[in-house]
Amino acid sequence: PWDQMSDEFDVFDLSFWRHEITAGGGGNGEFQAYVNSRNNSWVEGGALHLRPTATADVIGQGPLIAGGTLD
């Protein structure tokens, strides 16, 4: 069960943990893209760190306003 699962995160074990790579919005209808980037997920000091990044910070504000695409 979920409440019995633990990981010490001495290393980022990619044989067990996987990144969800999608632009499906997480089921809430919002524009969200999930990517595999060490800017957003890494292990340090025995802890898993997760950091959201605004799409505009990656591709710029212009493409978002002008109907650009995320490839």
Protein backbone atom coordinates (compact mmCIF):
# COMPACT_ATOMS: atom_id res chain seq x y z
CA PRO A 1 0.00 0.00 0.00
CA TRP A 2 0.96 3.63 -0.56
CA ASP A 3 1.39 4.38 3.16
CA GLN A 4 4.04 1.65 3.45
CA MET A 5 6.17 2.83 0.53
CA SER A 6 9.38 4.73 1.22
CA ASP A 7 12.60 5.63 -0.54
CA GLU A 8 15.66 7.18 1.05
CA PHE A 9 16.69 8.92 -2.21
CA ASP A 10 20.42 8.45 -1.86
CA VAL A 11 20.31 8.31 -5.68
CA PHE A 12 17.58 8.95 -8.25
CA ASP A 13 16.71 5.32 -9.04
CA LEU A 14 15.32 5.61 -12.58
CA SER A 15 14.76 1.84 -12.68
CA PHE A 16 11.99 2.42 -10.11
CA TRP A 17 10.89 6.04 -10.57
CA ARG A 18 9.67 7.36 -13.92
CA HIS A 19 8.88 10.84 -15.17
CA GLU A 20 5.41 11.36 -16.55
CA ILE A 21 5.89 12.99 -19.95
CA THR A 22 2.63 14.47 -21.21
CA ALA A 23 0.83 17.68 -22.05
CA GLY A 24 -2.52 16.26 -20.99
CA GLY A 25 -3.09 18.72 -18.14
CA GLY A 26 -3.30 16.21 -15.31
CA GLY A 27 -7.04 15.74 -15.81
CA ASN A 28 -8.08 19.22 -14.69
CA GLY A 29 -8.36 20.88 -18.11
CA GLU A 30 -5.46 23.28 -17.52
CA PHE A 31 -2.52 23.58 -19.89
CA GLN A 32 0.26 21.66 -18.18
CA ALA A 33 3.27 19.91 -19.67
CA TYR A 34 5.18 17.27 -17.75
CA VAL A 35 8.77 16.75 -18.93
CA ASN A 36 11.88 14.77 -18.02
CA SER A 37 14.24 17.52 -16.87
CA ARG A 38 16.82 17.64 -14.10
CA ASN A 39 15.87 21.32 -13.78
CA ASN A 40 12.58 20.06 -12.33
CA SER A 41 13.52 16.87 -10.46
CA TRP A 42 16.71 15.80 -8.73
CA VAL A 43 18.02 14.07 -5.61
CA GLU A 44 20.19 15.97 -3.17
CA GLY A 45 20.97 15.42 0.51
CA GLY A 46 18.88 12.24 0.69
CA ALA A 47 15.73 13.99 -0.52
CA LEU A 48 13.81 14.12 -3.79
CA HIS A 49 13.37 17.70 -4.98
CA LEU A 50 10.54 18.65 -7.36
CA ARG A 51 10.32 22.14 -8.81
CA PRO A 52 7.62 23.38 -11.20
CA THR A 53 8.72 25.55 -14.11
CA ALA A 54 6.43 27.98 -15.90
CA THR A 55 6.17 27.20 -19.62
CA ALA A 56 6.83 30.88 -20.38
CA ASP A 57 10.18 30.54 -18.62
CA VAL A 58 11.13 27.79 -21.09
CA ILE A 59 9.68 28.96 -24.44
CA GLY A 60 9.00 32.63 -23.70
CA GLN A 61 5.76 34.56 -23.28
CA GLY A 62 5.34 35.39 -27.00
CA PRO A 63 4.54 31.90 -28.26
CA LEU A 64 1.96 31.44 -25.51
CA ILE A 65 0.11 34.62 -26.47
CA ALA A 66 0.46 34.14 -30.25
CA GLY A 67 -0.80 30.56 -30.31
CA GLY A 68 2.61 28.90 -30.55
CA THR A 69 3.18 25.18 -30.23
CA LEU A 70 4.99 23.07 -27.68
CA ASP A 71 7.06 20.42 -29.41
